[in-house]
Amino acid sequence: MRAWKSAPAAADPRFSPPGVVVEVKAIACELPATLEVPLSRLFVPDIRAEVIRRGIVARISDSTIWRWLCEDAIRPWTFRSWIFPRDPDFEPKAARVLDLYAREFEGTPLQDDEYVVSADEKTSIQARCRCHPSLPAAASRAMRVEHEYRRGGALQYLATWDCGRAKIFGRCEPKTGNVPFDRLVAQVMCTEPYASARRVFWVVDNGSSHRGQASIDRLEGRYTRRGHRRLRLVHTPIHSSWLNQVEIYFSIIDRKVLTPSDFLDLGEVEARLLAFERRYEAAAKPFEWKFTRTDLRNLMKRLEEKQVLPPAA
């Protein structure tokens, strides 16, 4: 042990001094900028080079470092994006959406003829026409998709998800905007049971076709009966599309329908999207939404402690 303290030691796989393991893991948890290296992320060879440069050990293998990092599930080459809420009304807006998912609005339970739907647009879905046919999976071989393709155009997929009934209403449009989104709204609102509903709450994000008070005036005023607004537009906070349940359905679309992108033309893209709606509905159940008002309050408390929330309006 005295010799190890006086000179760099080799990392013997049969004996790993705890101090060496700790220092290697600490380097793996540093940002590349603090190490003054021109990298955006650290990989095992980069960690190994830094360990040797500092004289922690004279030599060490990549596999040894890999094994040590795996013990604590340290993956410095991966990263996750995040954003702090910057909407000054984040909590009340989010709480209203969460109440609707719990079938409550402004402190009153929703009645049986009141519905909550979630809507949004999935833009720029490309038809990538592969130069050679895709090959199915075979023994010891994954499905193969040709790398080269020609562009067959792009379309926009607009969809509405009934949060309580697990029903899908979708349509494909050449572009987004107020008019295409209004057609989606009409598609739902002219169909039973929504056509005769007491109220239909539309949860939307802040996309340009349904943003702000202008969209509320445009859509809510169009669907009234005896002076009563049947349609209520409810916006999520800014940068909070994760509160919009239709985004879950869009993620399913990505995995099951659009990846890998291999289509003959835009017509095939549209046909597959609309056919998947019926297939998915046959077995679909409402999403098990677990983020509650209590979770929201706990989140806000943590952010308040970090002093990262914007000042109240």
C-alpha atoms as a PDB file:
ATOM      1  CA  MET A   1       0.000   0.000   0.000  1.00  0.00           C
ATOM      2  CA  ARG A   2       2.896   2.363   0.752  1.00  0.00           C
ATOM      3  CA  ALA A   3       4.276   1.765  -2.754  1.00  0.00           C
ATOM      4  CA  TRP A   4       0.866   2.622  -4.262  1.00  0.00           C
ATOM      5  CA  LYS A   5       0.841   5.936  -2.417  1.00  0.00           C
ATOM      6  CA  SER A   6       4.330   6.902  -3.580  1.00  0.00           C
ATOM      7  CA  ALA A   7       3.916   6.087  -7.277  1.00  0.00           C
ATOM      8  CA  PRO A   8       1.131   5.485  -9.798  1.00  0.00           C
ATOM      9  CA  ALA A   9      -0.035   1.895  -9.724  1.00  0.00           C
ATOM     10  CA  ALA A  10      -1.416  -0.360 -12.383  1.00  0.00           C
ATOM     11  CA  ALA A  11      -5.089  -1.192 -12.026  1.00  0.00           C
ATOM     12  CA  ASP A  12      -4.912  -4.898 -11.349  1.00  0.00           C
ATOM     13  CA  PRO A  13      -8.296  -6.503 -12.183  1.00  0.00           C
ATOM     14  CA  ARG A  14      -7.836  -8.780  -9.171  1.00  0.00           C
ATOM     15  CA  PHE A  15      -7.413  -5.830  -6.803  1.00  0.00           C
ATOM     16  CA  SER A  16      -8.983  -2.394  -7.259  1.00  0.00           C
ATOM     17  CA  PRO A  17      -7.989   0.138  -4.569  1.00  0.00           C
ATOM     18  CA  PRO A  18     -11.230   1.842  -3.476  1.00  0.00           C
ATOM     19  CA  GLY A  19      -9.606   5.263  -3.798  1.00  0.00           C
ATOM     20  CA  VAL A  20      -8.775   4.655  -7.450  1.00  0.00           C
ATOM     21  CA  VAL A  21     -12.304   3.490  -8.217  1.00  0.00           C
ATOM     22  CA  VAL A  22     -13.774   6.576  -6.560  1.00  0.00           C
ATOM     23  CA  GLU A  23     -11.471   8.947  -8.472  1.00  0.00           C
ATOM     24  CA  VAL A  24     -12.272   7.301 -11.801  1.00  0.00           C
ATOM     25  CA  LYS A  25     -16.017   7.585 -11.159  1.00  0.00           C
ATOM     26  CA  ALA A  26     -15.576  11.222 -10.099  1.00  0.00           C
ATOM     27  CA  ILE A  27     -13.830  12.028 -13.395  1.00  0.00           C
ATOM     28  CA  ALA A  28     -16.640  10.301 -15.296  1.00  0.00           C
ATOM     29  CA  CYS A  29     -19.133  12.607 -13.571  1.00  0.00           C
ATOM     30  CA  GLU A  30     -17.327  15.816 -14.550  1.00  0.00           C
ATOM     31  CA  LEU A  31     -18.375  18.004 -17.461  1.00  0.00           C
ATOM     32  CA  PRO A  32     -15.829  18.002 -20.311  1.00  0.00           C
ATOM     33  CA  ALA A  33     -15.529  21.788 -20.031  1.00  0.00           C
ATOM     34  CA  THR A  34     -14.102  21.488 -16.517  1.00  0.00           C
ATOM     35  CA  LEU A  35     -11.454  19.096 -17.860  1.00  0.00           C
ATOM     36  CA  GLU A  36     -10.517  21.618 -20.573  1.00  0.00           C
ATOM     37  CA  VAL A  37     -10.904  19.085 -23.367  1.00  0.00           C
ATOM     38  CA  PRO A  38     -12.637  19.861 -26.703  1.00  0.00           C
ATOM     39  CA  LEU A  39     -15.428  17.346 -26.160  1.00  0.00           C
ATOM     40  CA  SER A  40     -19.166  17.532 -25.595  1.00  0.00           C
ATOM     41  CA  ARG A  41     -19.399  14.153 -23.824  1.00  0.00           C
ATOM     42  CA  LEU A  42     -16.972  11.751 -22.198  1.00  0.00           C
ATOM     43  CA  PHE A  43     -16.500   8.203 -23.427  1.00  0.00           C
ATOM     44  CA  VAL A  44     -14.508   5.449 -21.740  1.00  0.00           C
ATOM     45  CA  PRO A  45     -11.267   6.102 -23.708  1.00  0.00           C
ATOM     46  CA  ASP A  46     -11.480   9.801 -22.768  1.00  0.00           C
ATOM     47  CA  ILE A  47     -11.875   8.906 -19.092  1.00  0.00           C
ATOM     48  CA  ARG A  48      -8.967   6.493 -19.323  1.00  0.00           C
ATOM     49  CA  ALA A  49      -6.728   9.173 -20.862  1.00  0.00           C
ATOM     50  CA  GLU A  50      -7.615  11.649 -18.091  1.00  0.00           C
ATOM     51  CA  VAL A  51      -7.011   9.066 -15.355  1.00  0.00           C
ATOM     52  CA  ILE A  52      -3.515   8.360 -16.696  1.00  0.00           C
ATOM     53  CA  ARG A  53      -2.782  12.062 -17.313  1.00  0.00           C
ATOM     54  CA  ARG A  54      -3.503  12.812 -13.650  1.00  0.00           C
ATOM     55  CA  GLY A  55      -1.203  10.019 -12.541  1.00  0.00           C
ATOM     56  CA  ILE A  56      -3.918   8.143 -10.681  1.00  0.00           C
ATOM     57  CA  VAL A  57      -2.648   4.898 -12.219  1.00  0.00           C
ATOM     58  CA  ALA A  58       0.144   4.082 -14.634  1.00  0.00           C
ATOM     59  CA  ARG A  59      -2.101   2.010 -16.872  1.00  0.00           C
ATOM     60  CA  ILE A  60      -5.684   0.823 -16.910  1.00  0.00           C
ATOM     61  CA  SER A  61      -7.889  -0.886 -19.460  1.00  0.00           C
ATOM     62  CA  ASP A  62     -11.098   0.415 -20.983  1.00  0.00           C
ATOM     63  CA  SER A  63     -12.904  -2.740 -19.835  1.00  0.00           C
ATOM     64  CA  THR A  64     -11.912  -2.090 -16.211  1.00  0.00           C
ATOM     65  CA  ILE A  65     -13.293   1.461 -16.336  1.00  0.00           C
ATOM     66  CA  TRP A  66     -16.420   0.172 -18.061  1.00  0.00           C
ATOM     67  CA  ARG A  67     -16.931  -2.384 -15.295  1.00  0.00           C
ATOM     68  CA  TRP A  68     -16.520   0.220 -12.544  1.00  0.00           C
ATOM     69  CA  LEU A  69     -18.970   2.627 -14.187  1.00  0.00           C
ATOM     70  CA  CYS A  70     -21.518  -0.149 -14.681  1.00  0.00           C
ATOM     71  CA  GLU A  71     -21.513  -0.788 -10.927  1.00  0.00           C
ATOM     72  CA  ASP A  72     -23.222   2.588 -10.401  1.00  0.00           C
ATOM     73  CA  ALA A  73     -24.961   2.814 -13.808  1.00  0.00           C
ATOM     74  CA  ILE A  74     -22.823   5.834 -14.733  1.00  0.00           C
ATOM     75  CA  ARG A  75     -23.176   6.616 -18.455  1.00  0.00           C
ATOM     76  CA  PRO A  76     -21.326   9.898 -19.146  1.00  0.00           C
ATOM     77  CA  TRP A  77     -21.822   9.495 -22.906  1.00  0.00           C
ATOM     78  CA  THR A  78     -25.607   9.835 -22.547  1.00  0.00           C
ATOM     79  CA  PHE A  79     -27.605  12.962 -21.775  1.00  0.00           C
ATOM     80  CA  ARG A  80     -31.155  14.122 -21.182  1.00  0.00           C
ATOM     81  CA  SER A  81     -32.663  17.484 -22.062  1.00  0.00           C
ATOM     82  CA  TRP A  82     -34.810  19.464 -19.628  1.00  0.00           C
ATOM     83  CA  ILE A  83     -36.326  22.906 -19.286  1.00  0.00           C
ATOM     84  CA  PHE A  84     -37.505  24.914 -16.306  1.00  0.00           C
ATOM     85  CA  PRO A  85     -41.102  26.226 -16.467  1.00  0.00           C
ATOM     86  CA  ARG A  86     -41.089  29.832 -17.653  1.00  0.00           C
ATOM     87  CA  ASP A  87     -44.828  30.410 -17.764  1.00  0.00           C
ATOM     88  CA  PRO A  88     -45.689  32.696 -14.801  1.00  0.00           C
ATOM     89  CA  ASP A  89     -49.068  30.935 -14.569  1.00  0.00           C
ATOM     90  CA  PHE A  90     -47.608  27.442 -14.884  1.00  0.00           C
ATOM     91  CA  GLU A  91     -49.195  25.966 -11.759  1.00  0.00           C
ATOM     92  CA  PRO A  92     -52.811  27.167 -12.221  1.00  0.00           C
ATOM     93  CA  LYS A  93     -52.777  26.247 -15.916  1.00  0.00           C
ATOM     94  CA  ALA A  94     -51.317  22.807 -15.248  1.00  0.00           C
ATOM     95  CA  ALA A  95     -53.697  22.244 -12.328  1.00  0.00           C
ATOM     96  CA  ARG A  96     -56.710  22.942 -14.525  1.00  0.00           C
ATOM     97  CA  VAL A  97     -55.560  20.316 -17.026  1.00  0.00           C
ATOM     98  CA  LEU A  98     -54.904  17.768 -14.270  1.00  0.00           C
ATOM     99  CA  ASP A  99     -58.356  18.426 -12.807  1.00  0.00           C
ATOM    100  CA  LEU A 100     -59.918  17.691 -16.183  1.00  0.00           C
ATOM    101  CA  TYR A 101     -58.062  14.387 -16.400  1.00  0.00           C
ATOM    102  CA  ALA A 102     -59.556  13.627 -12.973  1.00  0.00           C
ATOM    103  CA  ARG A 103     -62.977  14.672 -14.411  1.00  0.00           C
ATOM    104  CA  GLU A 104     -63.336  17.877 -12.483  1.00  0.00           C
ATOM    105  CA  PHE A 105     -63.546  21.507 -13.595  1.00  0.00           C
ATOM    106  CA  GLU A 106     -63.415  24.570 -11.335  1.00  0.00           C
ATOM    107  CA  GLY A 107     -64.130  22.422  -8.288  1.00  0.00           C
ATOM    108  CA  THR A 108     -67.173  20.663  -9.776  1.00  0.00           C
ATOM    109  CA  PRO A 109     -67.228  17.031 -10.996  1.00  0.00           C
ATOM    110  CA  LEU A 110     -67.978  16.598 -14.679  1.00  0.00           C
ATOM    111  CA  GLN A 111     -71.295  15.052 -15.651  1.00  0.00           C
ATOM    112  CA  ASP A 112     -71.746  12.006 -17.853  1.00  0.00           C
ATOM    113  CA  ASP A 113     -72.458  14.126 -20.949  1.00  0.00           C
ATOM    114  CA  GLU A 114     -69.259  16.162 -20.561  1.00  0.00           C
ATOM    115  CA  TYR A 115     -66.076  15.017 -22.301  1.00  0.00           C
ATOM    116  CA  VAL A 116     -62.358  15.775 -22.174  1.00  0.00           C
ATOM    117  CA  VAL A 117     -60.359  15.479 -25.389  1.00  0.00           C
ATOM    118  CA  SER A 118     -56.736  16.223 -26.185  1.00  0.00           C
ATOM    119  CA  ALA A 119     -55.651  17.518 -29.592  1.00  0.00           C
ATOM    120  CA  ASP A 120     -52.503  18.494 -31.455  1.00  0.00           C
ATOM    121  CA  GLU A 121     -50.682  18.320 -34.787  1.00  0.00           C
ATOM    122  CA  LYS A 122     -47.789  16.080 -35.814  1.00  0.00           C
ATOM    123  CA  THR A 123     -46.031  18.014 -38.532  1.00  0.00           C
ATOM    124  CA  SER A 124     -43.796  17.225 -41.500  1.00  0.00           C
ATOM    125  CA  ILE A 125     -44.293  13.462 -41.737  1.00  0.00           C
ATOM    126  CA  GLN A 126     -42.172  12.467 -44.720  1.00  0.00           C
ATOM    127  CA  ALA A 127     -42.737   9.753 -47.266  1.00  0.00           C
ATOM    128  CA  ARG A 128     -39.284   8.275 -47.737  1.00  0.00           C
ATOM    129  CA  CYS A 129     -39.406   6.051 -50.797  1.00  0.00           C
ATOM    130  CA  ARG A 130     -36.534   3.574 -50.453  1.00  0.00           C
ATOM    131  CA  CYS A 131     -34.467   2.785 -53.539  1.00  0.00           C
ATOM    132  CA  HIS A 132     -34.682  -0.964 -52.842  1.00  0.00           C
ATOM    133  CA  PRO A 133     -37.371  -2.999 -51.071  1.00  0.00           C
ATOM    134  CA  SER A 134     -36.951  -3.613 -47.354  1.00  0.00           C
ATOM    135  CA  LEU A 135     -35.945  -7.138 -46.352  1.00  0.00           C
ATOM    136  CA  PRO A 136     -37.719  -9.024 -43.550  1.00  0.00           C
ATOM    137  CA  ALA A 137     -35.915 -10.321 -40.488  1.00  0.00           C
ATOM    138  CA  ALA A 138     -34.287 -13.739 -40.814  1.00  0.00           C
ATOM    139  CA  ALA A 139     -32.066 -16.036 -38.785  1.00  0.00           C
ATOM    140  CA  SER A 140     -29.318 -13.939 -37.149  1.00  0.00           C
ATOM    141  CA  ARG A 141     -30.396 -10.906 -39.167  1.00  0.00           C
ATOM    142  CA  ALA A 142     -32.511  -7.905 -38.287  1.00  0.00           C
ATOM    143  CA  MET A 143     -34.958  -6.309 -40.711  1.00  0.00           C
ATOM    144  CA  ARG A 144     -32.997  -4.400 -43.341  1.00  0.00           C
ATOM    145  CA  VAL A 145     -34.044  -1.013 -44.728  1.00  0.00           C
ATOM    146  CA  GLU A 146     -32.206   0.603 -47.626  1.00  0.00           C
ATOM    147  CA  HIS A 147     -30.334   3.744 -46.598  1.00  0.00           C
ATOM    148  CA  GLU A 148     -30.950   5.683 -49.820  1.00  0.00           C
ATOM    149  CA  TYR A 149     -34.378   7.074 -50.609  1.00  0.00           C
ATOM    150  CA  ARG A 150     -36.156   9.678 -52.664  1.00  0.00           C
ATOM    151  CA  ARG A 151     -38.394  12.238 -51.044  1.00  0.00           C
ATOM    152  CA  GLY A 152     -42.080  11.668 -51.660  1.00  0.00           C
ATOM    153  CA  GLY A 153     -43.293  14.832 -49.938  1.00  0.00           C
ATOM    154  CA  ALA A 154     -44.625  15.451 -46.447  1.00  0.00           C
ATOM    155  CA  LEU A 155     -47.996  15.784 -44.768  1.00  0.00           C
ATOM    156  CA  GLN A 156     -49.371  16.899 -41.410  1.00  0.00           C
ATOM    157  CA  TYR A 157     -51.294  14.573 -39.112  1.00  0.00           C
ATOM    158  CA  LEU A 158     -53.896  16.171 -36.832  1.00  0.00           C
ATOM    159  CA  ALA A 159     -55.439  14.045 -34.115  1.00  0.00           C
ATOM    160  CA  THR A 160     -57.813  14.207 -31.163  1.00  0.00           C
ATOM    161  CA  TRP A 161     -57.751  11.691 -28.302  1.00  0.00           C
ATOM    162  CA  ASP A 162     -60.791  11.253 -26.058  1.00  0.00           C
ATOM    163  CA  CYS A 163     -59.153  10.896 -22.653  1.00  0.00           C
ATOM    164  CA  GLY A 164     -62.065   9.038 -21.081  1.00  0.00           C
ATOM    165  CA  ARG A 165     -63.267   6.864 -23.962  1.00  0.00           C
ATOM    166  CA  ALA A 166     -59.953   6.032 -25.732  1.00  0.00           C
ATOM    167  CA  LYS A 167     -61.293   7.166 -29.101  1.00  0.00           C
ATOM    168  CA  ILE A 168     -59.159   8.615 -31.908  1.00  0.00           C
ATOM    169  CA  PHE A 169     -60.145  11.199 -34.488  1.00  0.00           C
ATOM    170  CA  GLY A 170     -57.448  11.924 -37.027  1.00  0.00           C
ATOM    171  CA  ARG A 171     -56.987  13.545 -40.402  1.00  0.00           C
ATOM    172  CA  CYS A 172     -54.120  14.287 -42.757  1.00  0.00           C
ATOM    173  CA  GLU A 173     -53.638  17.738 -44.226  1.00  0.00           C
ATOM    174  CA  PRO A 174     -51.109  19.229 -46.676  1.00  0.00           C
ATOM    175  CA  LYS A 175     -50.268  21.981 -44.178  1.00  0.00           C
ATOM    176  CA  THR A 176     -51.138  23.215 -40.696  1.00  0.00           C
ATOM    177  CA  GLY A 177     -52.993  26.381 -39.740  1.00  0.00           C
ATOM    178  CA  ASN A 178     -56.304  27.627 -38.395  1.00  0.00           C
ATOM    179  CA  VAL A 179     -58.410  26.167 -41.193  1.00  0.00           C
ATOM    180  CA  PRO A 180     -57.038  22.590 -41.014  1.00  0.00           C
ATOM    181  CA  PHE A 181     -57.312  22.593 -37.220  1.00  0.00           C
ATOM    182  CA  ASP A 182     -60.875  23.904 -37.411  1.00  0.00           C
ATOM    183  CA  ARG A 183     -61.711  20.995 -39.713  1.00  0.00           C
ATOM    184  CA  LEU A 184     -60.450  18.587 -37.043  1.00  0.00           C
ATOM    185  CA  VAL A 185     -62.607  20.314 -34.439  1.00  0.00           C
ATOM    186  CA  ALA A 186     -65.659  20.077 -36.696  1.00  0.00           C
ATOM    187  CA  GLN A 187     -64.933  16.388 -37.348  1.00  0.00           C
ATOM    188  CA  VAL A 188     -65.241  15.715 -33.615  1.00  0.00           C
ATOM    189  CA  MET A 189     -67.947  18.184 -32.646  1.00  0.00           C
ATOM    190  CA  CYS A 190     -70.304  17.011 -35.391  1.00  0.00           C
ATOM    191  CA  THR A 191     -70.039  13.381 -34.215  1.00  0.00           C
ATOM    192  CA  GLU A 192     -72.062  11.870 -31.392  1.00  0.00           C
ATOM    193  CA  PRO A 193     -71.862  11.952 -28.426  1.00  0.00           C
ATOM    194  CA  TYR A 194     -69.986  15.268 -28.745  1.00  0.00           C
ATOM    195  CA  ALA A 195     -72.604  16.842 -31.025  1.00  0.00           C
ATOM    196  CA  SER A 196     -75.191  16.710 -28.233  1.00  0.00           C
ATOM    197  CA  ALA A 197     -72.789  16.982 -25.293  1.00  0.00           C
ATOM    198  CA  ARG A 198     -73.250  19.512 -22.530  1.00  0.00           C
ATOM    199  CA  ARG A 199     -69.566  20.501 -22.800  1.00  0.00           C
ATOM    200  CA  VAL A 200     -66.468  19.211 -24.562  1.00  0.00           C
ATOM    201  CA  PHE A 201     -63.167  20.357 -23.070  1.00  0.00           C
ATOM    202  CA  TRP A 202     -60.319  20.569 -25.583  1.00  0.00           C
ATOM    203  CA  VAL A 203     -56.839  20.341 -24.032  1.00  0.00           C
ATOM    204  CA  VAL A 204     -54.310  21.897 -26.433  1.00  0.00           C
ATOM    205  CA  ASP A 205     -50.799  23.297 -26.271  1.00  0.00           C
ATOM    206  CA  ASN A 206     -49.729  26.688 -27.595  1.00  0.00           C
ATOM    207  CA  GLY A 207     -49.278  25.847 -31.252  1.00  0.00           C
ATOM    208  CA  SER A 208     -49.990  28.645 -33.718  1.00  0.00           C
ATOM    209  CA  SER A 209     -53.349  27.230 -34.882  1.00  0.00           C
ATOM    210  CA  HIS A 210     -54.827  27.143 -31.362  1.00  0.00           C
ATOM    211  CA  ARG A 211     -52.874  29.721 -29.380  1.00  0.00           C
ATOM    212  CA  GLY A 212     -54.116  32.362 -26.980  1.00  0.00           C
ATOM    213  CA  GLN A 213     -57.385  34.211 -26.566  1.00  0.00           C
ATOM    214  CA  ALA A 214     -57.879  34.561 -30.327  1.00  0.00           C
ATOM    215  CA  SER A 215     -58.259  30.799 -30.688  1.00  0.00           C
ATOM    216  CA  ILE A 216     -60.657  30.679 -27.723  1.00  0.00           C
ATOM    217  CA  ASP A 217     -62.842  33.374 -29.301  1.00  0.00           C
ATOM    218  CA  ARG A 218     -62.711  31.660 -32.700  1.00  0.00           C
ATOM    219  CA  LEU A 219     -63.594  28.152 -31.572  1.00  0.00           C
ATOM    220  CA  GLU A 220     -65.746  28.574 -28.474  1.00  0.00           C
ATOM    221  CA  GLY A 221     -68.018  31.070 -30.199  1.00  0.00           C
ATOM    222  CA  ARG A 222     -68.645  28.640 -33.035  1.00  0.00           C
ATOM    223  CA  TYR A 223     -70.096  25.865 -30.870  1.00  0.00           C
ATOM    224  CA  THR A 224     -72.867  27.262 -28.702  1.00  0.00           C
ATOM    225  CA  ARG A 225     -76.383  26.083 -27.939  1.00  0.00           C
ATOM    226  CA  ARG A 226     -78.960  28.354 -26.332  1.00  0.00           C
ATOM    227  CA  GLY A 227     -76.177  30.712 -25.370  1.00  0.00           C
ATOM    228  CA  HIS A 228     -74.194  27.922 -23.698  1.00  0.00           C
ATOM    229  CA  ARG A 229     -70.675  27.221 -24.926  1.00  0.00           C
ATOM    230  CA  ARG A 230     -70.394  23.532 -25.727  1.00  0.00           C
ATOM    231  CA  LEU A 231     -66.676  23.767 -26.540  1.00  0.00           C
ATOM    232  CA  ARG A 232     -64.152  24.921 -23.947  1.00  0.00           C
ATOM    233  CA  LEU A 233     -60.540  25.381 -25.021  1.00  0.00           C
ATOM    234  CA  VAL A 234     -58.012  24.724 -22.247  1.00  0.00           C
ATOM    235  CA  HIS A 235     -54.350  25.537 -22.863  1.00  0.00           C
ATOM    236  CA  THR A 236     -51.422  23.790 -21.230  1.00  0.00           C
ATOM    237  CA  PRO A 237     -48.643  26.047 -19.901  1.00  0.00           C
ATOM    238  CA  ILE A 238     -45.932  27.157 -22.322  1.00  0.00           C
ATOM    239  CA  HIS A 239     -43.418  24.380 -23.109  1.00  0.00           C
ATOM    240  CA  SER A 240     -45.593  21.775 -21.397  1.00  0.00           C
ATOM    241  CA  SER A 241     -46.799  19.523 -24.169  1.00  0.00           C
ATOM    242  CA  TRP A 242     -46.055  16.596 -21.834  1.00  0.00           C
ATOM    243  CA  LEU A 243     -49.353  17.513 -20.134  1.00  0.00           C
ATOM    244  CA  ASN A 244     -51.202  16.875 -23.399  1.00  0.00           C
ATOM    245  CA  GLN A 245     -52.294  13.229 -23.546  1.00  0.00           C
ATOM    246  CA  VAL A 246     -52.411  13.073 -27.335  1.00  0.00           C
ATOM    247  CA  GLU A 247     -48.602  13.317 -27.270  1.00  0.00           C
ATOM    248  CA  ILE A 248     -48.564   9.802 -25.805  1.00  0.00           C
ATOM    249  CA  TYR A 249     -50.533   8.597 -28.816  1.00  0.00           C
ATOM    250  CA  PHE A 250     -48.123  10.421 -31.143  1.00  0.00           C
ATOM    251  CA  SER A 251     -45.197   8.590 -29.534  1.00  0.00           C
ATOM    252  CA  ILE A 252     -46.972   5.303 -30.259  1.00  0.00           C
ATOM    253  CA  ILE A 253     -47.473   6.426 -33.863  1.00  0.00           C
ATOM    254  CA  ASP A 254     -43.742   7.140 -34.126  1.00  0.00           C
ATOM    255  CA  ARG A 255     -42.746   3.694 -32.912  1.00  0.00           C
ATOM    256  CA  LYS A 256     -45.384   1.547 -34.590  1.00  0.00           C
ATOM    257  CA  VAL A 257     -46.225   3.354 -37.848  1.00  0.00           C
ATOM    258  CA  LEU A 258     -43.538   5.822 -38.913  1.00  0.00           C
ATOM    259  CA  THR A 259     -40.246   4.138 -37.936  1.00  0.00           C
ATOM    260  CA  PRO A 260     -38.576   3.108 -40.133  1.00  0.00           C
ATOM    261  CA  SER A 261     -39.986   5.454 -42.759  1.00  0.00           C
ATOM    262  CA  ASP A 262     -40.523   3.262 -45.816  1.00  0.00           C
ATOM    263  CA  PHE A 263     -43.453   4.286 -48.027  1.00  0.00           C
ATOM    264  CA  LEU A 264     -44.322   4.263 -51.718  1.00  0.00           C
ATOM    265  CA  ASP A 265     -45.864   7.737 -51.599  1.00  0.00           C
ATOM    266  CA  LEU A 266     -47.856  10.132 -49.398  1.00  0.00           C
ATOM    267  CA  GLY A 267     -51.034   8.211 -50.104  1.00  0.00           C
ATOM    268  CA  GLU A 268     -49.585   5.181 -48.360  1.00  0.00           C
ATOM    269  CA  VAL A 269     -48.537   7.312 -45.370  1.00  0.00           C
ATOM    270  CA  GLU A 270     -52.071   8.642 -44.984  1.00  0.00           C
ATOM    271  CA  ALA A 271     -53.685   5.216 -45.467  1.00  0.00           C
ATOM    272  CA  ARG A 272     -51.444   3.631 -42.841  1.00  0.00           C
ATOM    273  CA  LEU A 273     -52.027   6.399 -40.293  1.00  0.00           C
ATOM    274  CA  LEU A 274     -55.808   6.254 -40.634  1.00  0.00           C
ATOM    275  CA  ALA A 275     -55.880   2.432 -40.654  1.00  0.00           C
ATOM    276  CA  PHE A 276     -53.785   2.366 -37.472  1.00  0.00           C
ATOM    277  CA  GLU A 277     -56.388   4.523 -35.709  1.00  0.00           C
ATOM    278  CA  ARG A 278     -59.009   1.792 -36.083  1.00  0.00           C
ATOM    279  CA  ARG A 279     -56.531  -0.954 -35.199  1.00  0.00           C
ATOM    280  CA  TYR A 280     -55.413   0.886 -32.061  1.00  0.00           C
ATOM    281  CA  GLU A 281     -58.953   1.718 -30.970  1.00  0.00           C
ATOM    282  CA  ALA A 282     -59.935  -1.957 -31.073  1.00  0.00           C
ATOM    283  CA  ALA A 283     -57.813  -2.667 -27.992  1.00  0.00           C
ATOM    284  CA  ALA A 284     -57.169   0.805 -26.560  1.00  0.00           C
ATOM    285  CA  LYS A 285     -57.942   1.856 -23.010  1.00  0.00           C
ATOM    286  CA  PRO A 286     -57.710   5.332 -21.478  1.00  0.00           C
ATOM    287  CA  PHE A 287     -54.144   6.189 -20.511  1.00  0.00           C
ATOM    288  CA  GLU A 288     -53.392   5.622 -16.837  1.00  0.00           C
ATOM    289  CA  TRP A 289     -52.484   9.206 -15.989  1.00  0.00           C
ATOM    290  CA  LYS A 290     -50.544   9.241 -12.711  1.00  0.00           C
ATOM    291  CA  PHE A 291     -49.278  12.829 -12.400  1.00  0.00           C
ATOM    292  CA  THR A 292     -51.674  14.510  -9.948  1.00  0.00           C
ATOM    293  CA  ARG A 293     -52.158  17.885  -8.303  1.00  0.00           C
ATOM    294  CA  THR A 294     -50.097  16.624  -5.356  1.00  0.00           C
ATOM    295  CA  ASP A 295     -47.222  15.775  -7.700  1.00  0.00           C
ATOM    296  CA  LEU A 296     -47.561  19.217  -9.273  1.00  0.00           C
ATOM    297  CA  ARG A 297     -47.346  20.969  -5.895  1.00  0.00           C
ATOM    298  CA  ASN A 298     -44.292  18.917  -4.930  1.00  0.00           C
ATOM    299  CA  LEU A 299     -42.659  19.829  -8.242  1.00  0.00           C
ATOM    300  CA  MET A 300     -43.344  23.523  -7.691  1.00  0.00           C
ATOM    301  CA  LYS A 301     -41.900  23.361  -4.172  1.00  0.00           C
ATOM    302  CA  ARG A 302     -38.676  21.841  -5.495  1.00  0.00           C
ATOM    303  CA  LEU A 303     -38.410  24.530  -8.154  1.00  0.00           C
ATOM    304  CA  GLU A 304     -39.129  27.269  -5.638  1.00  0.00           C
ATOM    305  CA  GLU A 305     -36.328  25.956  -3.447  1.00  0.00           C
ATOM    306  CA  LYS A 306     -33.978  26.190  -6.424  1.00  0.00           C
ATOM    307  CA  GLN A 307     -35.260  29.722  -7.143  1.00  0.00           C
ATOM    308  CA  VAL A 308     -35.693  29.051 -10.845  1.00  0.00           C
ATOM    309  CA  LEU A 309     -39.331  30.037 -11.280  1.00  0.00           C
ATOM    310  CA  PRO A 310     -40.180  33.259 -13.155  1.00  0.00           C
ATOM    311  CA  PRO A 311     -41.690  36.124 -11.142  1.00  0.00           C
ATOM    312  CA  ALA A 312     -45.476  36.094 -10.872  1.00  0.00           C
ATOM    313  CA  ALA A 313     -47.272  38.298 -13.374  1.00  0.00           C
END
